[in-house]
Amino acid sequence: MSGIYQALFSMAINGDLWRAATINGILVAESLGYYNALETIGRALRLGAVASGVSGNGPSIYAIFRPGEEGPFIDYISSTWSYYLVTKLVEIRYLVS
């Protein structure tokens, strides 16, 4: 899978960071069999997430929304999962569109 990850690295370096992060997060979920995570990632993306995926080797899931657009996903996650954490960016060093 090194070719895929090299392509994702190039995608991120060339400014498509959120798409690269999402594809990476989906690949991790799929390869580790985190099928509930895949469902949640799909829901986040359908609800407008800029990016979503499995963080690291999992099983934690992240979803990144523009400010003010996270509400429907928080409603979904709070009714689906036992616990969740909502944070805000503290500092933006690199702005990727």
N, C-alpha and C. Protein backbone atom coordinates (compact mmCIF):
# COMPACT_ATOMS: atom_id res chain seq x y z
N MET A 1 0.80 -1.20 0.00
CA MET A 1 0.00 0.00 0.00
C MET A 1 0.85 1.26 0.00
N SER A 2 2.16 1.08 -0.12
CA SER A 2 3.04 2.25 -0.05
C SER A 2 2.74 3.26 -1.16
N GLY A 3 2.34 2.79 -2.34
CA GLY A 3 2.01 3.70 -3.43
C GLY A 3 0.82 4.58 -3.09
N ILE A 4 -0.16 4.00 -2.43
CA ILE A 4 -1.34 4.78 -2.03
C ILE A 4 -0.93 5.85 -1.04
N TYR A 5 -0.12 5.46 -0.05
CA TYR A 5 0.28 6.43 0.96
C TYR A 5 1.22 7.49 0.41
N GLN A 6 2.03 7.16 -0.57
CA GLN A 6 2.85 8.17 -1.23
C GLN A 6 1.96 9.17 -1.96
N ALA A 7 0.91 8.66 -2.61
CA ALA A 7 -0.02 9.55 -3.30
C ALA A 7 -0.75 10.45 -2.31
N LEU A 8 -1.14 9.90 -1.16
CA LEU A 8 -1.81 10.71 -0.13
C LEU A 8 -0.87 11.78 0.40
N PHE A 9 0.39 11.44 0.59
CA PHE A 9 1.37 12.41 1.06
C PHE A 9 1.50 13.55 0.05
N SER A 10 1.59 13.20 -1.23
CA SER A 10 1.68 14.22 -2.28
C SER A 10 0.43 15.09 -2.31
N MET A 11 -0.72 14.46 -2.14
CA MET A 11 -1.98 15.20 -2.11
C MET A 11 -1.96 16.23 -0.99
N ALA A 12 -1.52 15.80 0.19
CA ALA A 12 -1.47 16.71 1.34
C ALA A 12 -0.46 17.83 1.13
N ILE A 13 0.72 17.49 0.65
CA ILE A 13 1.77 18.48 0.41
C ILE A 13 1.33 19.52 -0.61
N ASN A 14 0.50 19.09 -1.56
CA ASN A 14 0.02 19.99 -2.61
C ASN A 14 -1.24 20.75 -2.22
N GLY A 15 -1.61 20.70 -0.93
CA GLY A 15 -2.68 21.54 -0.45
C GLY A 15 -4.02 20.88 -0.22
N ASP A 16 -4.16 19.61 -0.58
CA ASP A 16 -5.44 18.93 -0.38
C ASP A 16 -5.38 18.09 0.89
N LEU A 17 -5.04 18.75 1.99
CA LEU A 17 -4.79 18.10 3.27
C LEU A 17 -6.03 17.38 3.80
N TRP A 18 -7.18 18.02 3.76
CA TRP A 18 -8.38 17.42 4.34
C TRP A 18 -8.80 16.17 3.58
N ARG A 19 -8.71 16.18 2.27
CA ARG A 19 -9.06 14.99 1.49
C ARG A 19 -8.08 13.86 1.78
N ALA A 20 -6.79 14.19 1.85
CA ALA A 20 -5.78 13.17 2.16
C ALA A 20 -6.03 12.58 3.54
N ALA A 21 -6.36 13.41 4.51
CA ALA A 21 -6.62 12.93 5.87
C ALA A 21 -7.84 12.02 5.89
N THR A 22 -8.87 12.39 5.15
CA THR A 22 -10.09 11.58 5.10
C THR A 22 -9.82 10.22 4.46
N ILE A 23 -9.15 10.21 3.34
CA ILE A 23 -8.86 8.94 2.67
C ILE A 23 -8.00 8.06 3.57
N ASN A 24 -6.99 8.66 4.21
CA ASN A 24 -6.15 7.90 5.12
C ASN A 24 -7.00 7.32 6.27
N GLY A 25 -7.87 8.13 6.85
CA GLY A 25 -8.71 7.67 7.96
C GLY A 25 -9.66 6.55 7.56
N ILE A 26 -10.17 6.61 6.35
CA ILE A 26 -11.05 5.55 5.85
C ILE A 26 -10.25 4.27 5.60
N LEU A 27 -9.07 4.40 5.03
CA LEU A 27 -8.22 3.22 4.79
C LEU A 27 -7.84 2.54 6.10
N VAL A 28 -7.51 3.31 7.11
CA VAL A 28 -7.18 2.74 8.41
C VAL A 28 -8.38 2.00 8.98
N ALA A 29 -9.55 2.61 8.94
CA ALA A 29 -10.77 1.98 9.45
C ALA A 29 -11.06 0.67 8.72
N GLU A 30 -10.96 0.71 7.42
CA GLU A 30 -11.23 -0.49 6.61
C GLU A 30 -10.22 -1.60 6.91
N SER A 31 -8.95 -1.26 6.92
CA SER A 31 -7.92 -2.29 7.10
C SER A 31 -7.92 -2.88 8.51
N LEU A 32 -8.41 -2.12 9.50
CA LEU A 32 -8.46 -2.63 10.87
C LEU A 32 -9.84 -3.20 11.24
N GLY A 33 -10.76 -3.15 10.29
CA GLY A 33 -12.09 -3.72 10.53
C GLY A 33 -12.97 -2.90 11.44
N TYR A 34 -12.77 -1.60 11.49
CA TYR A 34 -13.59 -0.71 12.31
C TYR A 34 -14.83 -0.29 11.52
N TYR A 35 -15.76 -1.22 11.34
CA TYR A 35 -16.91 -0.96 10.48
C TYR A 35 -17.87 0.05 11.08
N ASN A 36 -18.01 0.08 12.41
CA ASN A 36 -18.84 1.12 13.03
C ASN A 36 -18.23 2.49 12.79
N ALA A 37 -16.91 2.55 12.79
CA ALA A 37 -16.22 3.81 12.52
C ALA A 37 -16.50 4.27 11.09
N LEU A 38 -16.50 3.33 10.15
CA LEU A 38 -16.79 3.70 8.76
C LEU A 38 -18.19 4.31 8.63
N GLU A 39 -19.14 3.75 9.35
CA GLU A 39 -20.49 4.30 9.32
C GLU A 39 -20.51 5.73 9.87
N THR A 40 -19.79 5.95 10.96
CA THR A 40 -19.74 7.28 11.57
C THR A 40 -19.00 8.27 10.68
N ILE A 41 -17.92 7.85 10.06
CA ILE A 41 -17.18 8.70 9.13
C ILE A 41 -18.09 9.11 7.97
N GLY A 42 -18.80 8.15 7.41
CA GLY A 42 -19.74 8.45 6.32
C GLY A 42 -20.80 9.44 6.74
N ARG A 43 -21.33 9.27 7.95
CA ARG A 43 -22.35 10.19 8.45
C ARG A 43 -21.77 11.59 8.59
N ALA A 44 -20.55 11.69 9.15
CA ALA A 44 -19.92 13.00 9.31
C ALA A 44 -19.76 13.69 7.96
N LEU A 45 -19.30 12.96 6.97
CA LEU A 45 -19.10 13.54 5.64
C LEU A 45 -20.45 13.97 5.02
N ARG A 46 -21.47 13.15 5.18
CA ARG A 46 -22.79 13.51 4.66
C ARG A 46 -23.36 14.74 5.36
N LEU A 47 -22.96 14.94 6.62
CA LEU A 47 -23.44 16.09 7.38
C LEU A 47 -22.56 17.32 7.21
N GLY A 48 -21.60 17.26 6.28
CA GLY A 48 -20.82 18.44 5.94
C GLY A 48 -19.43 18.54 6.50
N ALA A 49 -18.90 17.47 7.07
CA ALA A 49 -17.53 17.52 7.60
C ALA A 49 -16.54 17.84 6.48
N VAL A 50 -15.56 18.64 6.81
CA VAL A 50 -14.47 18.95 5.89
C VAL A 50 -13.57 17.73 5.76
N ALA A 51 -13.42 17.00 6.87
CA ALA A 51 -12.62 15.77 6.89
C ALA A 51 -13.13 14.90 8.03
N SER A 52 -12.95 13.60 7.88
CA SER A 52 -13.31 12.66 8.94
C SER A 52 -12.57 11.36 8.71
N GLY A 53 -12.24 10.67 9.78
CA GLY A 53 -11.55 9.39 9.66
C GLY A 53 -11.20 8.82 11.01
N VAL A 54 -10.47 7.71 10.97
CA VAL A 54 -9.95 7.11 12.19
C VAL A 54 -8.64 7.80 12.49
N SER A 55 -8.45 8.16 13.74
CA SER A 55 -7.23 8.84 14.17
C SER A 55 -6.16 7.82 14.53
N GLY A 56 -4.98 7.99 13.96
CA GLY A 56 -3.89 7.05 14.24
C GLY A 56 -4.27 5.64 13.86
N ASN A 57 -4.09 4.71 14.79
CA ASN A 57 -4.49 3.32 14.56
C ASN A 57 -5.87 3.04 15.14
N GLY A 58 -6.58 4.08 15.54
CA GLY A 58 -7.92 3.94 16.06
C GLY A 58 -7.93 3.47 17.49
N PRO A 59 -9.07 3.25 18.01
CA PRO A 59 -10.37 3.32 17.35
C PRO A 59 -11.02 4.71 17.40
N SER A 60 -10.28 5.74 17.85
CA SER A 60 -10.91 7.06 17.91
C SER A 60 -11.18 7.59 16.51
N ILE A 61 -12.24 8.39 16.41
CA ILE A 61 -12.69 8.95 15.14
C ILE A 61 -12.65 10.46 15.27
N TYR A 62 -12.24 11.13 14.22
CA TYR A 62 -12.28 12.59 14.21
C TYR A 62 -13.20 13.05 13.09
N ALA A 63 -13.77 14.22 13.28
CA ALA A 63 -14.56 14.87 12.24
C ALA A 63 -14.30 16.37 12.38
N ILE A 64 -13.95 17.00 11.28
CA ILE A 64 -13.63 18.42 11.29
C ILE A 64 -14.73 19.16 10.52
N PHE A 65 -15.31 20.15 11.19
CA PHE A 65 -16.38 20.96 10.59
C PHE A 65 -15.99 22.41 10.61
N ARG A 66 -16.57 23.17 9.70
CA ARG A 66 -16.45 24.61 9.78
C ARG A 66 -17.22 25.06 11.01
N PRO A 67 -16.77 26.14 11.66
CA PRO A 67 -17.47 26.62 12.86
C PRO A 67 -18.96 26.84 12.59
N GLY A 68 -19.79 26.32 13.49
CA GLY A 68 -21.22 26.47 13.38
C GLY A 68 -21.93 25.38 12.59
N GLU A 69 -21.17 24.51 11.92
CA GLU A 69 -21.78 23.47 11.10
C GLU A 69 -21.74 22.09 11.76
N GLU A 70 -21.25 22.01 12.98
CA GLU A 70 -21.05 20.73 13.64
C GLU A 70 -22.28 20.20 14.37
N GLY A 71 -23.29 21.03 14.56
CA GLY A 71 -24.47 20.67 15.36
C GLY A 71 -25.14 19.36 15.00
N PRO A 72 -25.52 19.14 13.73
CA PRO A 72 -26.18 17.88 13.39
C PRO A 72 -25.32 16.65 13.68
N PHE A 73 -24.01 16.78 13.50
CA PHE A 73 -23.15 15.64 13.80
C PHE A 73 -23.06 15.40 15.30
N ILE A 74 -22.99 16.47 16.08
CA ILE A 74 -22.97 16.31 17.54
C ILE A 74 -24.27 15.66 18.00
N ASP A 75 -25.40 16.05 17.41
CA ASP A 75 -26.67 15.40 17.75
C ASP A 75 -26.60 13.91 17.44
N TYR A 76 -26.07 13.56 16.27
CA TYR A 76 -25.96 12.16 15.87
C TYR A 76 -25.03 11.40 16.82
N ILE A 77 -23.87 11.94 17.05
CA ILE A 77 -22.86 11.22 17.84
C ILE A 77 -23.31 11.08 19.29
N SER A 78 -24.00 12.08 19.83
CA SER A 78 -24.44 12.00 21.22
C SER A 78 -25.54 10.96 21.40
N SER A 79 -26.27 10.66 20.34
CA SER A 79 -27.31 9.64 20.44
C SER A 79 -26.81 8.25 20.05
N THR A 80 -25.58 8.17 19.52
CA THR A 80 -25.07 6.91 19.00
C THR A 80 -23.94 6.33 19.85
N TRP A 81 -23.04 7.19 20.31
CA TRP A 81 -21.86 6.74 21.03
C TRP A 81 -21.98 7.05 22.52
N SER A 82 -21.27 6.29 23.33
CA SER A 82 -21.32 6.47 24.79
C SER A 82 -20.64 7.75 25.24
N TYR A 83 -19.59 8.15 24.55
CA TYR A 83 -18.86 9.35 24.92
C TYR A 83 -18.24 9.98 23.69
N TYR A 84 -18.00 11.27 23.78
CA TYR A 84 -17.39 12.01 22.69
C TYR A 84 -16.76 13.26 23.25
N LEU A 85 -15.90 13.88 22.46
CA LEU A 85 -15.19 15.08 22.86
C LEU A 85 -15.31 16.09 21.73
N VAL A 86 -15.67 17.30 22.06
CA VAL A 86 -15.76 18.38 21.07
C VAL A 86 -14.71 19.41 21.43
N THR A 87 -13.87 19.75 20.48
CA THR A 87 -12.83 20.75 20.70
C THR A 87 -12.87 21.80 19.61
N LYS A 88 -12.16 22.88 19.82
CA LYS A 88 -12.01 23.92 18.80
C LYS A 88 -10.54 24.10 18.51
N LEU A 89 -10.23 24.54 17.31
CA LEU A 89 -8.84 24.84 16.97
C LEU A 89 -8.34 25.97 17.86
N VAL A 90 -7.16 25.80 18.38
CA VAL A 90 -6.57 26.82 19.23
C VAL A 90 -5.81 27.83 18.37
N GLU A 91 -5.10 27.32 17.39
CA GLU A 91 -4.29 28.17 16.53
C GLU A 91 -4.23 27.54 15.16
N ILE A 92 -4.32 28.34 14.14
CA ILE A 92 -4.17 27.85 12.78
C ILE A 92 -2.84 28.32 12.25
N ARG A 93 -1.97 27.37 11.97
CA ARG A 93 -0.66 27.72 11.44
C ARG A 93 -0.63 27.65 9.92
N TYR A 94 -1.39 26.71 9.37
CA TYR A 94 -1.45 26.55 7.93
C TYR A 94 -2.90 26.52 7.53
N LEU A 95 -3.29 27.36 6.62
CA LEU A 95 -4.66 27.37 6.15
C LEU A 95 -4.69 26.68 4.81
N VAL A 96 -5.42 25.58 4.74
CA VAL A 96 -5.53 24.81 3.51
C VAL A 96 -6.96 24.91 3.05
N SER A 97 -7.16 25.32 1.84
CA SER A 97 -8.55 25.45 1.35
C SER A 97 -8.99 24.20 0.64
